[in-house]
Amino acid sequence: MRVVVTGGAGFIGYWTVRELLGAGHEVSVVDNLSRATFKDELEDMGVPLQPVDVRDLEALTKVFSGADAVVHLAALISVEESAEKPVDYHEVNVRGTLNVLLAGVRTGVRRVIYSSSAAVYGHPVRLPVDEDHPTRPISVYGATKLAGEAYCRAFHETFGIQAVILRYFNVYGPGQSPEYAGVIVRFSERLARGLPPVVNGDGLQSRDFVHVFDVARANLLALESEVGFGVYNVGTGTPTRILDLARLMMRLWGVEGEPEFAPPRPGDIRESVADVGRIRRELRFEPVIGLEEGLRGLIPESPER
């Protein structure tokens, strides 16, 4: 297929591009380059890159011409920043998604893979969290991703565009931007300097950490599936307590002692783990990179000790 990846110079985008190329697809990238991490790597691979913003409908329409499918990853993704810049988050995440769908309809794109987030669920009322769980986002970021989902569903019903929504849980892996530092990035930055990680609260909060290589493969499976419309969690189905994560990373990085503790973060979700039964059954997705293996790939060759 001829596939356009929006946000393809970013963290998940780059690894998705590699996965699609490895499967034999013809790939081009749309990225406004404001927060691109992998621009040079894409150029070295010879992947066409258009410096287009998803807020520009006319430019999107031009670059989508001739494409069979779009993997829509372009987004602003910080929960904290979304509270400070809600209008920016609406414009990029909601209007940008609307533009992707409009440009797709205009140019005959048959299929859109939309990157959503576990943030659409808010505080879980049951675990593991399945796709039929109530969607009650508690952040502006989560609200924008849910709005994008609604547009995907509406465009499927109204225009017949095939849309697959993937709700990513806690993605990590090589090249993750410190700008949106998830807990693994924050921990690894301190460990690289020989310092113990700082755990907010008691550390008994749980998360579902899924490696970016597995996420990229989920994107490929969604692209190649026959699903006309579907919503799928992308995770491992295995919860990890933050305190256990900190101790595991200290062992792997060779830092002795115990983690440090800081006050809990306001509004922090206590427990989160994906029910991945649907994506296993319908897309044949199976996460293959365990947490320890994935973390070992993040250890610097020459830690600053």
C-alpha atoms as a PDB file:
ATOM      1  CA  MET A   1       0.000   0.000   0.000  1.00  0.00           C
ATOM      2  CA  ARG A   2       0.955   3.636  -0.386  1.00  0.00           C
ATOM      3  CA  VAL A   3       0.872   4.904   3.182  1.00  0.00           C
ATOM      4  CA  VAL A   4       1.267   8.398   4.627  1.00  0.00           C
ATOM      5  CA  VAL A   5       2.411   8.567   8.248  1.00  0.00           C
ATOM      6  CA  THR A   6       1.591  11.861   9.950  1.00  0.00           C
ATOM      7  CA  GLY A   7       4.031  12.701  12.729  1.00  0.00           C
ATOM      8  CA  GLY A   8       6.419  10.202  11.144  1.00  0.00           C
ATOM      9  CA  ALA A   9       9.524  12.022  12.359  1.00  0.00           C
ATOM     10  CA  GLY A  10       8.490  11.526  15.981  1.00  0.00           C
ATOM     11  CA  PHE A  11       9.107   8.669  18.415  1.00  0.00           C
ATOM     12  CA  ILE A  12       6.289   6.249  17.571  1.00  0.00           C
ATOM     13  CA  GLY A  13       6.133   7.543  14.007  1.00  0.00           C
ATOM     14  CA  TYR A  14       9.726   6.689  13.143  1.00  0.00           C
ATOM     15  CA  TRP A  15       9.536   3.123  14.419  1.00  0.00           C
ATOM     16  CA  THR A  16       6.208   2.695  12.637  1.00  0.00           C
ATOM     17  CA  VAL A  17       7.755   3.884   9.373  1.00  0.00           C
ATOM     18  CA  ARG A  18      10.502   1.285   9.762  1.00  0.00           C
ATOM     19  CA  GLU A  19       7.917  -1.436  10.419  1.00  0.00           C
ATOM     20  CA  LEU A  20       5.846  -0.468   7.373  1.00  0.00           C
ATOM     21  CA  LEU A  21       8.884  -0.349   5.108  1.00  0.00           C
ATOM     22  CA  GLY A  22       9.971  -3.768   6.355  1.00  0.00           C
ATOM     23  CA  ALA A  23       6.559  -5.130   5.360  1.00  0.00           C
ATOM     24  CA  GLY A  24       6.976  -3.807   1.823  1.00  0.00           C
ATOM     25  CA  HIS A  25       4.726  -0.757   1.921  1.00  0.00           C
ATOM     26  CA  GLU A  26       5.518   2.506   0.132  1.00  0.00           C
ATOM     27  CA  VAL A  27       5.785   5.122   2.877  1.00  0.00           C
ATOM     28  CA  SER A  28       5.936   8.908   2.990  1.00  0.00           C
ATOM     29  CA  VAL A  29       5.897  11.167   6.035  1.00  0.00           C
ATOM     30  CA  VAL A  30       4.036  14.338   6.959  1.00  0.00           C
ATOM     31  CA  ASP A  31       5.509  16.245   9.905  1.00  0.00           C
ATOM     32  CA  ASN A  32       5.678  19.939  10.768  1.00  0.00           C
ATOM     33  CA  LEU A  33       9.125  19.231  12.313  1.00  0.00           C
ATOM     34  CA  SER A  34       8.401  21.349  15.385  1.00  0.00           C
ATOM     35  CA  ARG A  35       9.185  18.433  17.706  1.00  0.00           C
ATOM     36  CA  ALA A  36      10.749  15.938  15.321  1.00  0.00           C
ATOM     37  CA  THR A  37      13.308  13.521  16.757  1.00  0.00           C
ATOM     38  CA  PHE A  38      14.128  11.358  13.753  1.00  0.00           C
ATOM     39  CA  LYS A  39      14.255  13.749  10.781  1.00  0.00           C
ATOM     40  CA  ASP A  40      17.842  12.866   9.871  1.00  0.00           C
ATOM     41  CA  GLU A  41      17.193   9.131  10.166  1.00  0.00           C
ATOM     42  CA  LEU A  42      14.262   9.370   7.758  1.00  0.00           C
ATOM     43  CA  GLU A  43      16.400  11.285   5.274  1.00  0.00           C
ATOM     44  CA  ASP A  44      19.143   8.641   5.540  1.00  0.00           C
ATOM     45  CA  MET A  45      16.517   5.975   4.782  1.00  0.00           C
ATOM     46  CA  GLY A  46      15.317   7.908   1.732  1.00  0.00           C
ATOM     47  CA  VAL A  47      11.774   8.316   3.070  1.00  0.00           C
ATOM     48  CA  PRO A  48       9.972  11.298   1.469  1.00  0.00           C
ATOM     49  CA  LEU A  49       9.167  13.879   4.144  1.00  0.00           C
ATOM     50  CA  GLN A  50       6.720  16.739   3.630  1.00  0.00           C
ATOM     51  CA  PRO A  51       7.016  19.590   6.190  1.00  0.00           C
ATOM     52  CA  VAL A  52       3.248  19.981   6.488  1.00  0.00           C
ATOM     53  CA  ASP A  53       1.161  20.798   9.557  1.00  0.00           C
ATOM     54  CA  VAL A  54      -2.037  18.793  10.090  1.00  0.00           C
ATOM     55  CA  ARG A  55      -3.818  22.081  10.779  1.00  0.00           C
ATOM     56  CA  ASP A  56      -3.354  22.962   7.076  1.00  0.00           C
ATOM     57  CA  LEU A  57      -6.163  21.149   5.279  1.00  0.00           C
ATOM     58  CA  GLU A  58      -5.217  22.246   1.770  1.00  0.00           C
ATOM     59  CA  ALA A  59      -1.596  21.156   2.168  1.00  0.00           C
ATOM     60  CA  LEU A  60      -2.706  17.818   3.619  1.00  0.00           C
ATOM     61  CA  THR A  61      -5.041  17.259   0.688  1.00  0.00           C
ATOM     62  CA  LYS A  62      -2.156  17.708  -1.733  1.00  0.00           C
ATOM     63  CA  VAL A  63       0.193  15.287   0.009  1.00  0.00           C
ATOM     64  CA  PHE A  64      -2.523  12.647   0.507  1.00  0.00           C
ATOM     65  CA  SER A  65      -3.163  12.474  -3.224  1.00  0.00           C
ATOM     66  CA  GLY A  66      -2.560   8.911  -4.415  1.00  0.00           C
ATOM     67  CA  ALA A  67      -2.331   7.421  -0.930  1.00  0.00           C
ATOM     68  CA  ASP A  68      -4.218   4.264   0.009  1.00  0.00           C
ATOM     69  CA  ALA A  69      -4.013   4.740   3.770  1.00  0.00           C
ATOM     70  CA  VAL A  70      -2.913   7.115   6.522  1.00  0.00           C
ATOM     71  CA  VAL A  71      -1.414   6.253   9.878  1.00  0.00           C
ATOM     72  CA  HIS A  72      -2.259   9.348  11.903  1.00  0.00           C
ATOM     73  CA  LEU A  73       0.281   9.829  14.700  1.00  0.00           C
ATOM     74  CA  ALA A  74       0.778  13.611  14.629  1.00  0.00           C
ATOM     75  CA  ALA A  75      -0.332  15.029  17.974  1.00  0.00           C
ATOM     76  CA  LEU A  76       0.595  16.985  21.059  1.00  0.00           C
ATOM     77  CA  ILE A  77       0.877  14.426  23.845  1.00  0.00           C
ATOM     78  CA  SER A  78       1.702  15.976  27.225  1.00  0.00           C
ATOM     79  CA  VAL A  79      -1.007  15.798  29.893  1.00  0.00           C
ATOM     80  CA  GLU A  80       0.640  18.609  31.859  1.00  0.00           C
ATOM     81  CA  GLU A  81       1.119  20.876  28.835  1.00  0.00           C
ATOM     82  CA  SER A  82      -2.457  20.280  27.697  1.00  0.00           C
ATOM     83  CA  ALA A  83      -3.704  21.989  30.882  1.00  0.00           C
ATOM     84  CA  GLU A  84      -1.574  25.025  30.057  1.00  0.00           C
ATOM     85  CA  LYS A  85      -2.339  25.145  26.326  1.00  0.00           C
ATOM     86  CA  PRO A  86      -5.817  23.684  25.810  1.00  0.00           C
ATOM     87  CA  VAL A  87      -6.479  25.662  22.626  1.00  0.00           C
ATOM     88  CA  ASP A  88      -3.249  24.427  21.032  1.00  0.00           C
ATOM     89  CA  TYR A  89      -4.175  20.859  21.949  1.00  0.00           C
ATOM     90  CA  HIS A  90      -7.621  21.266  20.446  1.00  0.00           C
ATOM     91  CA  GLU A  91      -6.233  22.733  17.235  1.00  0.00           C
ATOM     92  CA  VAL A  92      -3.595  20.047  16.692  1.00  0.00           C
ATOM     93  CA  ASN A  93      -5.302  16.961  18.098  1.00  0.00           C
ATOM     94  CA  VAL A  94      -8.954  17.596  17.242  1.00  0.00           C
ATOM     95  CA  ARG A  95      -8.931  19.929  14.265  1.00  0.00           C
ATOM     96  CA  GLY A  96      -5.827  18.161  12.948  1.00  0.00           C
ATOM     97  CA  THR A  97      -7.615  14.805  13.062  1.00  0.00           C
ATOM     98  CA  LEU A  98     -10.681  16.288  11.387  1.00  0.00           C
ATOM     99  CA  ASN A  99      -8.422  17.638   8.635  1.00  0.00           C
ATOM    100  CA  VAL A 100      -6.768  14.241   8.159  1.00  0.00           C
ATOM    101  CA  LEU A 101     -10.196  12.648   7.705  1.00  0.00           C
ATOM    102  CA  LEU A 102     -11.434  15.404   5.391  1.00  0.00           C
ATOM    103  CA  ALA A 103      -8.308  15.209   3.251  1.00  0.00           C
ATOM    104  CA  GLY A 104      -8.689  11.442   3.190  1.00  0.00           C
ATOM    105  CA  VAL A 105     -12.257  11.665   1.911  1.00  0.00           C
ATOM    106  CA  ARG A 106     -11.268  14.243  -0.696  1.00  0.00           C
ATOM    107  CA  THR A 107      -8.409  12.125  -2.067  1.00  0.00           C
ATOM    108  CA  GLY A 108      -9.962   8.669  -1.836  1.00  0.00           C
ATOM    109  CA  VAL A 109      -7.890   7.365   1.085  1.00  0.00           C
ATOM    110  CA  ARG A 110      -9.540   4.083   2.059  1.00  0.00           C
ATOM    111  CA  ARG A 111      -8.141   3.574   5.537  1.00  0.00           C
ATOM    112  CA  VAL A 112      -7.042   5.647   8.543  1.00  0.00           C
ATOM    113  CA  ILE A 113      -5.249   4.273  11.604  1.00  0.00           C
ATOM    114  CA  TYR A 114      -5.751   6.703  14.478  1.00  0.00           C
ATOM    115  CA  SER A 115      -3.422   6.797  17.466  1.00  0.00           C
ATOM    116  CA  SER A 116      -5.474   7.316  20.595  1.00  0.00           C
ATOM    117  CA  SER A 117      -4.578   6.834  24.242  1.00  0.00           C
ATOM    118  CA  ALA A 118      -5.554   5.083  27.444  1.00  0.00           C
ATOM    119  CA  ALA A 119      -6.064   8.644  28.720  1.00  0.00           C
ATOM    120  CA  VAL A 120      -9.572   8.506  27.229  1.00  0.00           C
ATOM    121  CA  TYR A 121     -10.632   6.155  30.055  1.00  0.00           C
ATOM    122  CA  GLY A 122      -9.775   8.418  32.992  1.00  0.00           C
ATOM    123  CA  HIS A 123      -9.873   6.724  36.402  1.00  0.00           C
ATOM    124  CA  PRO A 124     -10.596   3.017  35.809  1.00  0.00           C
ATOM    125  CA  VAL A 125     -13.767   1.636  37.373  1.00  0.00           C
ATOM    126  CA  ARG A 126     -12.672  -1.939  36.625  1.00  0.00           C
ATOM    127  CA  LEU A 127      -9.451  -3.746  35.776  1.00  0.00           C
ATOM    128  CA  PRO A 128      -8.185  -4.734  33.353  1.00  0.00           C
ATOM    129  CA  VAL A 129      -9.543  -1.899  31.224  1.00  0.00           C
ATOM    130  CA  ASP A 130     -11.361  -3.193  28.159  1.00  0.00           C
ATOM    131  CA  GLU A 131     -12.468  -1.179  25.147  1.00  0.00           C
ATOM    132  CA  ASP A 132     -16.057  -1.001  26.420  1.00  0.00           C
ATOM    133  CA  HIS A 133     -14.937   0.666  29.639  1.00  0.00           C
ATOM    134  CA  PRO A 134     -16.530   4.118  30.175  1.00  0.00           C
ATOM    135  CA  THR A 135     -14.562   6.939  28.555  1.00  0.00           C
ATOM    136  CA  ARG A 136     -14.256   9.761  31.079  1.00  0.00           C
ATOM    137  CA  PRO A 137     -10.991  11.588  30.415  1.00  0.00           C
ATOM    138  CA  ILE A 138      -9.666  13.701  33.279  1.00  0.00           C
ATOM    139  CA  SER A 139      -7.139  15.675  31.199  1.00  0.00           C
ATOM    140  CA  VAL A 140      -7.445  18.046  28.267  1.00  0.00           C
ATOM    141  CA  TYR A 141      -5.133  15.736  26.359  1.00  0.00           C
ATOM    142  CA  GLY A 142      -7.432  12.762  26.968  1.00  0.00           C
ATOM    143  CA  ALA A 143     -10.455  14.806  25.927  1.00  0.00           C
ATOM    144  CA  THR A 144      -8.813  15.765  22.624  1.00  0.00           C
ATOM    145  CA  LYS A 145      -7.950  12.155  21.831  1.00  0.00           C
ATOM    146  CA  LEU A 146     -11.528  11.071  22.570  1.00  0.00           C
ATOM    147  CA  ALA A 147     -12.845  13.833  20.302  1.00  0.00           C
ATOM    148  CA  GLY A 148     -10.601  12.514  17.526  1.00  0.00           C
ATOM    149  CA  GLU A 149     -12.070   9.051  18.068  1.00  0.00           C
ATOM    150  CA  ALA A 150     -15.578  10.468  17.676  1.00  0.00           C
ATOM    151  CA  TYR A 151     -14.642  12.021  14.344  1.00  0.00           C
ATOM    152  CA  CYS A 152     -13.182   8.709  13.153  1.00  0.00           C
ATOM    153  CA  ARG A 153     -16.432   6.940  13.982  1.00  0.00           C
ATOM    154  CA  ALA A 154     -18.529   9.668  12.358  1.00  0.00           C
ATOM    155  CA  PHE A 155     -16.482   9.636   9.144  1.00  0.00           C
ATOM    156  CA  HIS A 156     -16.778   5.863   8.974  1.00  0.00           C
ATOM    157  CA  GLU A 157     -20.555   6.065   9.338  1.00  0.00           C
ATOM    158  CA  THR A 158     -21.015   9.087   7.073  1.00  0.00           C
ATOM    159  CA  PHE A 159     -18.401   8.620   4.351  1.00  0.00           C
ATOM    160  CA  GLY A 160     -17.503   4.940   4.622  1.00  0.00           C
ATOM    161  CA  ILE A 161     -13.844   5.533   5.403  1.00  0.00           C
ATOM    162  CA  GLN A 162     -12.270   2.575   7.188  1.00  0.00           C
ATOM    163  CA  ALA A 163     -10.989   3.671  10.601  1.00  0.00           C
ATOM    164  CA  VAL A 164      -9.098   1.719  13.238  1.00  0.00           C
ATOM    165  CA  ILE A 165      -8.570   3.385  16.620  1.00  0.00           C
ATOM    166  CA  LEU A 166      -5.623   2.207  18.713  1.00  0.00           C
ATOM    167  CA  ARG A 167      -5.560   3.210  22.374  1.00  0.00           C
ATOM    168  CA  TYR A 168      -1.910   3.105  23.415  1.00  0.00           C
ATOM    169  CA  PHE A 169      -1.065   2.496  27.051  1.00  0.00           C
ATOM    170  CA  ASN A 170       2.377   3.486  28.445  1.00  0.00           C
ATOM    171  CA  VAL A 171       4.697   3.400  25.443  1.00  0.00           C
ATOM    172  CA  TYR A 172       8.470   3.417  25.956  1.00  0.00           C
ATOM    173  CA  GLY A 173      11.567   2.628  23.925  1.00  0.00           C
ATOM    174  CA  PRO A 174      14.685   4.025  22.248  1.00  0.00           C
ATOM    175  CA  GLY A 175      14.557   7.642  21.180  1.00  0.00           C
ATOM    176  CA  GLN A 176      11.659   8.694  23.372  1.00  0.00           C
ATOM    177  CA  SER A 177      11.724  12.463  23.699  1.00  0.00           C
ATOM    178  CA  PRO A 178      12.610  13.866  27.150  1.00  0.00           C
ATOM    179  CA  GLU A 179      10.218  16.698  26.305  1.00  0.00           C
ATOM    180  CA  TYR A 180       7.313  14.412  27.197  1.00  0.00           C
ATOM    181  CA  ALA A 181       9.189  12.506  29.857  1.00  0.00           C
ATOM    182  CA  GLY A 182       7.300   9.428  30.904  1.00  0.00           C
ATOM    183  CA  VAL A 183       8.370   7.720  34.073  1.00  0.00           C
ATOM    184  CA  ILE A 184      10.891   5.454  32.330  1.00  0.00           C
ATOM    185  CA  VAL A 185      12.604   8.442  30.698  1.00  0.00           C
ATOM    186  CA  ARG A 186      12.695  10.325  34.009  1.00  0.00           C
ATOM    187  CA  PHE A 187      14.124   7.340  35.829  1.00  0.00           C
ATOM    188  CA  SER A 188      16.738   6.608  33.159  1.00  0.00           C
ATOM    189  CA  GLU A 189      17.977  10.221  33.105  1.00  0.00           C
ATOM    190  CA  ARG A 190      18.777  10.067  36.826  1.00  0.00           C
ATOM    191  CA  LEU A 191      20.202   6.552  36.684  1.00  0.00           C
ATOM    192  CA  ALA A 192      22.557   7.572  33.873  1.00  0.00           C
ATOM    193  CA  ARG A 193      24.090  10.031  36.370  1.00  0.00           C
ATOM    194  CA  GLY A 194      24.336   7.408  39.081  1.00  0.00           C
ATOM    195  CA  LEU A 195      21.380   8.825  41.006  1.00  0.00           C
ATOM    196  CA  PRO A 196      18.409   6.835  42.322  1.00  0.00           C
ATOM    197  CA  PRO A 197      15.065   7.454  40.608  1.00  0.00           C
ATOM    198  CA  VAL A 198      12.477   9.647  42.299  1.00  0.00           C
ATOM    199  CA  VAL A 199       9.120   7.960  42.859  1.00  0.00           C
ATOM    200  CA  ASN A 200       6.019  10.107  43.323  1.00  0.00           C
ATOM    201  CA  GLY A 201       3.775   8.875  46.132  1.00  0.00           C
ATOM    202  CA  ASP A 202       4.198   5.390  47.571  1.00  0.00           C
ATOM    203  CA  GLY A 203       5.133   3.766  44.258  1.00  0.00           C
ATOM    204  CA  LEU A 204       2.296   1.262  44.408  1.00  0.00           C
ATOM    205  CA  GLN A 205       0.636   2.820  41.361  1.00  0.00           C
ATOM    206  CA  SER A 206       0.574   0.380  38.436  1.00  0.00           C
ATOM    207  CA  ARG A 207       0.993   0.929  34.709  1.00  0.00           C
ATOM    208  CA  ASP A 208       1.005  -1.183  31.551  1.00  0.00           C
ATOM    209  CA  PHE A 209       4.327  -0.532  29.803  1.00  0.00           C
ATOM    210  CA  VAL A 210       4.421  -1.510  26.114  1.00  0.00           C
ATOM    211  CA  HIS A 211       7.538  -1.278  23.958  1.00  0.00           C
ATOM    212  CA  VAL A 212       7.455   0.982  20.915  1.00  0.00           C
ATOM    213  CA  PHE A 213       8.503  -1.922  18.664  1.00  0.00           C
ATOM    214  CA  ASP A 214       5.317  -3.745  19.683  1.00  0.00           C
ATOM    215  CA  VAL A 215       3.278  -0.576  19.155  1.00  0.00           C
ATOM    216  CA  ALA A 216       4.720  -0.173  15.656  1.00  0.00           C
ATOM    217  CA  ARG A 217       3.728  -3.770  14.896  1.00  0.00           C
ATOM    218  CA  ALA A 218       0.212  -3.111  16.182  1.00  0.00           C
ATOM    219  CA  ASN A 219       0.004  -0.186  13.770  1.00  0.00           C
ATOM    220  CA  LEU A 220       1.052  -2.466  10.909  1.00  0.00           C
ATOM    221  CA  LEU A 221      -1.469  -5.155  11.862  1.00  0.00           C
ATOM    222  CA  ALA A 222      -4.250  -2.560  12.027  1.00  0.00           C
ATOM    223  CA  LEU A 223      -3.237  -1.213   8.633  1.00  0.00           C
ATOM    224  CA  GLU A 224      -3.237  -4.639   6.988  1.00  0.00           C
ATOM    225  CA  SER A 225      -6.416  -5.906   8.656  1.00  0.00           C
ATOM    226  CA  GLU A 226      -9.832  -6.131   7.043  1.00  0.00           C
ATOM    227  CA  VAL A 227     -11.531  -4.307   9.936  1.00  0.00           C
ATOM    228  CA  GLY A 228     -13.889  -1.600   8.668  1.00  0.00           C
ATOM    229  CA  PHE A 229     -14.105   0.114  12.027  1.00  0.00           C
ATOM    230  CA  GLY A 230     -12.633  -0.965  15.336  1.00  0.00           C
ATOM    231  CA  VAL A 231     -11.255   0.197  18.674  1.00  0.00           C
ATOM    232  CA  TYR A 232      -8.347  -1.660  20.248  1.00  0.00           C
ATOM    233  CA  ASN A 233      -6.165  -1.349  23.328  1.00  0.00           C
ATOM    234  CA  VAL A 234      -2.431  -1.603  22.684  1.00  0.00           C
ATOM    235  CA  GLY A 235      -0.647  -2.833  25.779  1.00  0.00           C
ATOM    236  CA  THR A 236       0.716  -6.011  27.322  1.00  0.00           C
ATOM    237  CA  GLY A 237      -2.018  -6.903  29.793  1.00  0.00           C
ATOM    238  CA  THR A 238       0.617  -6.993  32.555  1.00  0.00           C
ATOM    239  CA  PRO A 239       0.625  -4.350  35.319  1.00  0.00           C
ATOM    240  CA  THR A 240       3.910  -3.087  36.781  1.00  0.00           C
ATOM    241  CA  ARG A 241       4.110  -1.145  40.021  1.00  0.00           C
ATOM    242  CA  ILE A 242       6.187   2.029  39.762  1.00  0.00           C
ATOM    243  CA  LEU A 243       8.266   1.047  42.788  1.00  0.00           C
ATOM    244  CA  ASP A 244       9.048  -2.314  41.199  1.00  0.00           C
ATOM    245  CA  LEU A 245       9.986  -0.521  37.971  1.00  0.00           C
ATOM    246  CA  ALA A 246      12.353   1.780  39.879  1.00  0.00           C
ATOM    247  CA  ARG A 247      14.089  -1.132  41.607  1.00  0.00           C
ATOM    248  CA  LEU A 248      14.364  -3.120  38.375  1.00  0.00           C
ATOM    249  CA  MET A 249      15.929  -0.180  36.573  1.00  0.00           C
ATOM    250  CA  MET A 250      18.349   0.434  39.444  1.00  0.00           C
ATOM    251  CA  ARG A 251      19.501  -3.181  39.186  1.00  0.00           C
ATOM    252  CA  LEU A 252      19.886  -3.011  35.413  1.00  0.00           C
ATOM    253  CA  TRP A 253      21.738   0.327  35.526  1.00  0.00           C
ATOM    254  CA  GLY A 254      23.923  -0.833  38.417  1.00  0.00           C
ATOM    255  CA  VAL A 255      22.840   1.856  40.868  1.00  0.00           C
ATOM    256  CA  GLU A 256      22.751   0.709  44.482  1.00  0.00           C
ATOM    257  CA  GLY A 257      20.480   1.803  47.326  1.00  0.00           C
ATOM    258  CA  GLU A 258      16.774   2.566  47.285  1.00  0.00           C
ATOM    259  CA  PRO A 259      14.605   4.928  45.218  1.00  0.00           C
ATOM    260  CA  GLU A 260      13.861   8.371  46.586  1.00  0.00           C
ATOM    261  CA  PHE A 261      10.286   9.450  47.209  1.00  0.00           C
ATOM    262  CA  ALA A 262       8.439  12.685  46.456  1.00  0.00           C
ATOM    263  CA  PRO A 263       4.842  13.816  47.066  1.00  0.00           C
ATOM    264  CA  PRO A 264       2.177  12.184  44.882  1.00  0.00           C
ATOM    265  CA  ARG A 265       1.155  14.010  41.740  1.00  0.00           C
ATOM    266  CA  PRO A 266      -2.345  15.500  41.897  1.00  0.00           C
ATOM    267  CA  GLY A 267      -4.889  13.531  39.880  1.00  0.00           C
ATOM    268  CA  ASP A 268      -2.514  10.642  39.236  1.00  0.00           C
ATOM    269  CA  ILE A 269      -4.352   7.476  38.201  1.00  0.00           C
ATOM    270  CA  ARG A 270      -3.752   4.741  40.749  1.00  0.00           C
ATOM    271  CA  GLU A 271      -3.956   1.627  38.601  1.00  0.00           C
ATOM    272  CA  SER A 272      -3.990   1.023  34.869  1.00  0.00           C
ATOM    273  CA  VAL A 273      -3.635  -2.157  32.834  1.00  0.00           C
ATOM    274  CA  ALA A 274      -5.033  -3.012  29.413  1.00  0.00           C
ATOM    275  CA  ASP A 275      -7.344  -5.837  28.525  1.00  0.00           C
ATOM    276  CA  VAL A 276      -5.732  -6.932  25.255  1.00  0.00           C
ATOM    277  CA  GLY A 277      -8.106  -9.769  24.466  1.00  0.00           C
ATOM    278  CA  ARG A 278      -9.782  -8.011  21.550  1.00  0.00           C
ATOM    279  CA  ILE A 279      -6.599  -7.037  19.712  1.00  0.00           C
ATOM    280  CA  ARG A 280      -5.259 -10.562  20.227  1.00  0.00           C
ATOM    281  CA  ARG A 281      -8.389 -12.154  18.813  1.00  0.00           C
ATOM    282  CA  GLU A 282      -9.131  -9.804  15.928  1.00  0.00           C
ATOM    283  CA  LEU A 283      -5.715  -8.463  14.851  1.00  0.00           C
ATOM    284  CA  ARG A 284      -3.563 -11.385  16.050  1.00  0.00           C
ATOM    285  CA  PHE A 285      -1.423  -8.966  18.037  1.00  0.00           C
ATOM    286  CA  GLU A 286       0.883 -10.415  20.655  1.00  0.00           C
ATOM    287  CA  PRO A 287       3.403  -8.238  22.553  1.00  0.00           C
ATOM    288  CA  VAL A 288       6.814  -9.871  22.294  1.00  0.00           C
ATOM    289  CA  ILE A 289       9.202  -7.561  24.148  1.00  0.00           C
ATOM    290  CA  GLY A 290       9.157  -8.048  27.907  1.00  0.00           C
ATOM    291  CA  LEU A 291       9.813  -5.139  30.221  1.00  0.00           C
ATOM    292  CA  GLU A 292      13.295  -6.189  31.332  1.00  0.00           C
ATOM    293  CA  GLU A 293      14.380  -6.863  27.756  1.00  0.00           C
ATOM    294  CA  GLY A 294      13.006  -3.513  26.630  1.00  0.00           C
ATOM    295  CA  LEU A 295      14.696  -1.654  29.466  1.00  0.00           C
ATOM    296  CA  ARG A 296      18.066  -3.268  28.738  1.00  0.00           C
ATOM    297  CA  GLY A 297      17.924  -1.662  25.314  1.00  0.00           C
ATOM    298  CA  LEU A 298      17.785   1.773  26.947  1.00  0.00           C
ATOM    299  CA  ILE A 299      20.908   1.481  29.105  1.00  0.00           C
ATOM    300  CA  PRO A 300      23.541   3.979  27.893  1.00  0.00           C
ATOM    301  CA  GLU A 301      26.806   2.476  26.712  1.00  0.00           C
ATOM    302  CA  SER A 302      28.761   4.971  28.800  1.00  0.00           C
ATOM    303  CA  PRO A 303      26.649   6.123  31.744  1.00  0.00           C
ATOM    304  CA  GLU A 304      27.562   9.467  33.260  1.00  0.00           C
ATOM    305  CA  ARG A 305      28.615   8.269  36.663  1.00  0.00           C
END
